[in-house]
Amino acid sequence: MREYKIKRGHNPDLNKILLNYFGVTGDTDSGFEFKVEGIGNIFIQKKGNSLFIETKSSGSVKADYSIIKKWNDFLYEATGKTAKERKKEFSKLS
């Protein structure tokens, strides 16, 4: 499970973002799981100022640039941080 910190001052409507990108809604405070073609099962939960996301790939995952772009766009809208900012944050943890 990965923790994605939400940028200070960024106040996303996660249900609206999830509905826009993946067509799902649920209680992000208690967490819920859904399936996305090309990625697999995704569990998402918001705790405080962080998103906790766990992905489990299904057996038939296709590697496609559009899926990666869609995922990065979703994370940008949800956290307010670009892929470069998220990478820098994760590299500090290692």
N, C-alpha and C. Protein backbone atom coordinates (compact mmCIF):
# COMPACT_ATOMS: atom_id res chain seq x y z
N MET A 1 0.84 -1.17 0.00
CA MET A 1 0.00 0.00 0.00
C MET A 1 0.89 1.24 0.00
N ARG A 2 0.56 2.18 -0.86
CA ARG A 2 1.33 3.41 -0.96
C ARG A 2 0.56 4.57 -0.36
N GLU A 3 1.32 5.47 0.23
CA GLU A 3 0.73 6.69 0.77
C GLU A 3 1.07 7.84 -0.17
N TYR A 4 0.04 8.53 -0.63
CA TYR A 4 0.20 9.71 -1.47
C TYR A 4 -0.27 10.90 -0.66
N LYS A 5 0.65 11.79 -0.30
CA LYS A 5 0.29 12.96 0.48
C LYS A 5 -0.36 13.99 -0.44
N ILE A 6 -1.43 14.60 0.06
CA ILE A 6 -2.14 15.62 -0.70
C ILE A 6 -1.45 16.96 -0.47
N LYS A 7 -1.21 17.67 -1.54
CA LYS A 7 -0.51 18.95 -1.49
C LYS A 7 -1.26 19.93 -0.58
N ARG A 8 -0.51 20.67 0.19
CA ARG A 8 -1.10 21.64 1.10
C ARG A 8 -1.94 22.65 0.32
N GLY A 9 -3.15 22.88 0.81
CA GLY A 9 -4.05 23.82 0.16
C GLY A 9 -4.90 23.20 -0.94
N HIS A 10 -4.58 21.97 -1.35
CA HIS A 10 -5.35 21.28 -2.39
C HIS A 10 -6.48 20.51 -1.71
N ASN A 11 -7.71 20.78 -2.09
CA ASN A 11 -8.86 20.17 -1.45
C ASN A 11 -9.71 19.47 -2.51
N PRO A 12 -9.33 18.25 -2.93
CA PRO A 12 -10.03 17.59 -4.03
C PRO A 12 -11.35 16.96 -3.60
N ASP A 13 -12.30 16.89 -4.53
CA ASP A 13 -13.53 16.13 -4.35
C ASP A 13 -13.26 14.75 -4.94
N LEU A 14 -12.81 13.83 -4.08
CA LEU A 14 -12.37 12.51 -4.56
C LEU A 14 -13.46 11.74 -5.27
N ASN A 15 -14.69 11.80 -4.76
CA ASN A 15 -15.76 11.06 -5.43
C ASN A 15 -16.00 11.58 -6.83
N LYS A 16 -15.93 12.88 -7.04
CA LYS A 16 -16.10 13.45 -8.37
C LYS A 16 -14.95 13.02 -9.29
N ILE A 17 -13.74 13.03 -8.77
CA ILE A 17 -12.57 12.63 -9.56
C ILE A 17 -12.64 11.15 -9.92
N LEU A 18 -12.99 10.29 -8.94
CA LEU A 18 -13.11 8.86 -9.20
C LEU A 18 -14.21 8.57 -10.22
N LEU A 19 -15.32 9.29 -10.12
CA LEU A 19 -16.41 9.10 -11.07
C LEU A 19 -15.98 9.54 -12.47
N ASN A 20 -15.24 10.63 -12.56
CA ASN A 20 -14.78 11.14 -13.84
C ASN A 20 -13.79 10.18 -14.51
N TYR A 21 -12.84 9.65 -13.77
CA TYR A 21 -11.79 8.80 -14.36
C TYR A 21 -12.18 7.33 -14.47
N PHE A 22 -12.87 6.79 -13.47
CA PHE A 22 -13.10 5.35 -13.43
C PHE A 22 -14.57 4.96 -13.37
N GLY A 23 -15.47 5.93 -13.23
CA GLY A 23 -16.89 5.62 -13.20
C GLY A 23 -17.36 4.95 -11.92
N VAL A 24 -16.66 5.19 -10.80
CA VAL A 24 -17.04 4.58 -9.52
C VAL A 24 -17.16 5.66 -8.44
N THR A 25 -17.96 5.36 -7.43
CA THR A 25 -18.04 6.20 -6.25
C THR A 25 -18.11 5.30 -5.03
N GLY A 26 -17.73 5.84 -3.90
CA GLY A 26 -17.76 5.07 -2.66
C GLY A 26 -17.32 5.94 -1.50
N ASP A 27 -17.25 5.34 -0.34
CA ASP A 27 -16.85 6.05 0.86
C ASP A 27 -15.33 6.02 0.97
N THR A 28 -14.68 7.11 0.58
CA THR A 28 -13.22 7.14 0.60
C THR A 28 -12.67 7.24 2.01
N ASP A 29 -13.47 7.71 2.97
CA ASP A 29 -12.99 7.80 4.35
C ASP A 29 -12.81 6.41 4.98
N SER A 30 -13.74 5.51 4.72
CA SER A 30 -13.58 4.15 5.26
C SER A 30 -12.87 3.24 4.27
N GLY A 31 -12.77 3.66 3.03
CA GLY A 31 -12.05 2.90 2.01
C GLY A 31 -12.97 1.98 1.23
N PHE A 32 -12.67 1.80 -0.03
CA PHE A 32 -13.42 0.85 -0.85
C PHE A 32 -12.55 0.36 -1.99
N GLU A 33 -12.99 -0.75 -2.59
CA GLU A 33 -12.22 -1.40 -3.66
C GLU A 33 -13.05 -1.41 -4.93
N PHE A 34 -12.36 -1.25 -6.06
CA PHE A 34 -13.01 -1.31 -7.36
C PHE A 34 -12.01 -1.86 -8.37
N LYS A 35 -12.53 -2.22 -9.53
CA LYS A 35 -11.69 -2.82 -10.57
C LYS A 35 -11.62 -1.90 -11.77
N VAL A 36 -10.41 -1.77 -12.32
CA VAL A 36 -10.18 -0.94 -13.50
C VAL A 36 -9.47 -1.79 -14.54
N GLU A 37 -10.02 -1.78 -15.76
CA GLU A 37 -9.40 -2.55 -16.83
C GLU A 37 -8.02 -1.97 -17.14
N GLY A 38 -7.04 -2.82 -17.23
CA GLY A 38 -5.68 -2.40 -17.52
C GLY A 38 -4.84 -2.20 -16.28
N ILE A 39 -5.47 -2.03 -15.12
CA ILE A 39 -4.73 -1.86 -13.86
C ILE A 39 -4.99 -3.04 -12.94
N GLY A 40 -6.26 -3.37 -12.74
CA GLY A 40 -6.63 -4.46 -11.83
C GLY A 40 -7.50 -3.93 -10.70
N ASN A 41 -7.41 -4.53 -9.53
CA ASN A 41 -8.17 -4.09 -8.37
C ASN A 41 -7.45 -2.96 -7.66
N ILE A 42 -8.22 -1.96 -7.29
CA ILE A 42 -7.67 -0.79 -6.60
C ILE A 42 -8.43 -0.60 -5.30
N PHE A 43 -7.70 -0.48 -4.20
CA PHE A 43 -8.29 -0.12 -2.92
C PHE A 43 -7.82 1.30 -2.61
N ILE A 44 -8.75 2.17 -2.27
CA ILE A 44 -8.41 3.57 -1.99
C ILE A 44 -9.06 4.01 -0.69
N GLN A 45 -8.28 4.74 0.10
CA GLN A 45 -8.78 5.26 1.37
C GLN A 45 -8.11 6.58 1.67
N LYS A 46 -8.90 7.53 2.15
CA LYS A 46 -8.34 8.83 2.53
C LYS A 46 -8.29 8.90 4.05
N LYS A 47 -7.09 9.19 4.55
CA LYS A 47 -6.89 9.38 5.99
C LYS A 47 -6.19 10.71 6.17
N GLY A 48 -6.88 11.64 6.80
CA GLY A 48 -6.27 12.95 7.03
C GLY A 48 -5.92 13.64 5.73
N ASN A 49 -4.66 13.95 5.57
CA ASN A 49 -4.19 14.65 4.37
C ASN A 49 -3.42 13.70 3.44
N SER A 50 -3.77 12.41 3.47
CA SER A 50 -3.09 11.42 2.64
C SER A 50 -4.10 10.47 1.99
N LEU A 51 -3.71 9.97 0.83
CA LEU A 51 -4.46 8.91 0.17
C LEU A 51 -3.64 7.63 0.28
N PHE A 52 -4.29 6.56 0.68
CA PHE A 52 -3.63 5.27 0.72
C PHE A 52 -4.24 4.44 -0.40
N ILE A 53 -3.38 4.00 -1.32
CA ILE A 53 -3.84 3.28 -2.50
C ILE A 53 -3.05 1.99 -2.64
N GLU A 54 -3.79 0.90 -2.81
CA GLU A 54 -3.17 -0.40 -3.06
C GLU A 54 -3.72 -0.94 -4.36
N THR A 55 -2.84 -1.36 -5.25
CA THR A 55 -3.26 -1.94 -6.52
C THR A 55 -2.83 -3.40 -6.57
N LYS A 56 -3.71 -4.22 -7.09
CA LYS A 56 -3.42 -5.64 -7.30
C LYS A 56 -3.76 -5.94 -8.75
N SER A 57 -2.74 -6.28 -9.51
CA SER A 57 -2.98 -6.51 -10.93
C SER A 57 -3.71 -7.83 -11.14
N SER A 58 -4.60 -7.81 -12.11
CA SER A 58 -5.28 -9.04 -12.50
C SER A 58 -4.41 -9.76 -13.51
N GLY A 59 -4.74 -10.96 -13.85
CA GLY A 59 -3.92 -11.76 -14.74
C GLY A 59 -3.78 -11.20 -16.14
N SER A 60 -4.78 -10.46 -16.59
CA SER A 60 -4.78 -9.98 -17.97
C SER A 60 -4.59 -8.47 -18.04
N VAL A 61 -3.47 -8.00 -17.50
CA VAL A 61 -3.19 -6.57 -17.53
C VAL A 61 -2.41 -6.24 -18.79
N LYS A 62 -2.93 -5.27 -19.56
CA LYS A 62 -2.25 -4.84 -20.78
C LYS A 62 -1.40 -3.62 -20.46
N ALA A 63 -0.19 -3.62 -20.95
CA ALA A 63 0.68 -2.45 -20.79
C ALA A 63 0.33 -1.48 -21.91
N ASP A 64 -0.23 -0.35 -21.55
CA ASP A 64 -0.66 0.62 -22.54
C ASP A 64 -0.36 2.01 -22.01
N TYR A 65 0.21 2.86 -22.84
CA TYR A 65 0.58 4.20 -22.42
C TYR A 65 -0.63 4.99 -21.94
N SER A 66 -1.78 4.81 -22.59
CA SER A 66 -2.97 5.58 -22.22
C SER A 66 -3.43 5.25 -20.80
N ILE A 67 -3.22 4.02 -20.35
CA ILE A 67 -3.60 3.63 -18.98
C ILE A 67 -2.69 4.32 -17.97
N ILE A 68 -1.40 4.36 -18.27
CA ILE A 68 -0.44 5.02 -17.38
C ILE A 68 -0.74 6.52 -17.33
N LYS A 69 -1.03 7.13 -18.48
CA LYS A 69 -1.37 8.55 -18.52
C LYS A 69 -2.63 8.84 -17.72
N LYS A 70 -3.64 8.01 -17.87
CA LYS A 70 -4.90 8.17 -17.13
C LYS A 70 -4.65 8.07 -15.62
N TRP A 71 -3.83 7.11 -15.19
CA TRP A 71 -3.51 6.93 -13.78
C TRP A 71 -2.76 8.15 -13.24
N ASN A 72 -1.76 8.63 -13.98
CA ASN A 72 -1.01 9.81 -13.55
C ASN A 72 -1.89 11.06 -13.49
N ASP A 73 -2.78 11.21 -14.46
CA ASP A 73 -3.71 12.35 -14.44
C ASP A 73 -4.63 12.27 -13.23
N PHE A 74 -5.12 11.06 -12.93
CA PHE A 74 -5.96 10.87 -11.75
C PHE A 74 -5.21 11.26 -10.48
N LEU A 75 -3.99 10.75 -10.33
CA LEU A 75 -3.20 11.06 -9.13
C LEU A 75 -2.89 12.55 -9.03
N TYR A 76 -2.67 13.21 -10.16
CA TYR A 76 -2.41 14.65 -10.14
C TYR A 76 -3.64 15.41 -9.62
N GLU A 77 -4.82 15.05 -10.13
CA GLU A 77 -6.03 15.73 -9.67
C GLU A 77 -6.35 15.41 -8.22
N ALA A 78 -6.06 14.18 -7.79
CA ALA A 78 -6.38 13.76 -6.43
C ALA A 78 -5.42 14.33 -5.39
N THR A 79 -4.13 14.47 -5.76
CA THR A 79 -3.13 14.90 -4.78
C THR A 79 -2.62 16.31 -5.02
N GLY A 80 -2.77 16.82 -6.23
CA GLY A 80 -2.24 18.14 -6.56
C GLY A 80 -0.76 18.11 -6.85
N LYS A 81 -0.18 16.92 -6.96
CA LYS A 81 1.26 16.78 -7.23
C LYS A 81 1.48 16.08 -8.56
N THR A 82 2.48 16.56 -9.29
CA THR A 82 2.83 15.95 -10.57
C THR A 82 3.56 14.64 -10.33
N ALA A 83 3.75 13.87 -11.40
CA ALA A 83 4.49 12.61 -11.29
C ALA A 83 5.91 12.86 -10.81
N LYS A 84 6.51 13.95 -11.27
CA LYS A 84 7.87 14.29 -10.85
C LYS A 84 7.92 14.60 -9.35
N GLU A 85 6.93 15.33 -8.84
CA GLU A 85 6.88 15.64 -7.41
C GLU A 85 6.65 14.38 -6.58
N ARG A 86 5.78 13.49 -7.06
CA ARG A 86 5.51 12.24 -6.33
C ARG A 86 6.76 11.35 -6.32
N LYS A 87 7.49 11.30 -7.44
CA LYS A 87 8.71 10.50 -7.51
C LYS A 87 9.75 11.03 -6.53
N LYS A 88 9.90 12.33 -6.47
CA LYS A 88 10.86 12.95 -5.55
C LYS A 88 10.49 12.62 -4.10
N GLU A 89 9.21 12.66 -3.79
CA GLU A 89 8.73 12.35 -2.45
C GLU A 89 9.03 10.89 -2.08
N PHE A 90 8.78 9.97 -3.04
CA PHE A 90 9.04 8.56 -2.77
C PHE A 90 10.54 8.26 -2.65
N SER A 91 11.36 8.99 -3.39
CA SER A 91 12.80 8.75 -3.32
C SER A 91 13.36 9.16 -1.96
N LYS A 92 12.72 10.11 -1.30
CA LYS A 92 13.14 10.52 0.04
C LYS A 92 12.88 9.43 1.07
N LEU A 93 11.89 8.59 0.82
CA LEU A 93 11.53 7.51 1.74
C LEU A 93 12.53 6.37 1.71
N SER A 94 13.19 6.19 0.58
CA SER A 94 14.12 5.05 0.43
C SER A 94 15.45 5.29 1.08
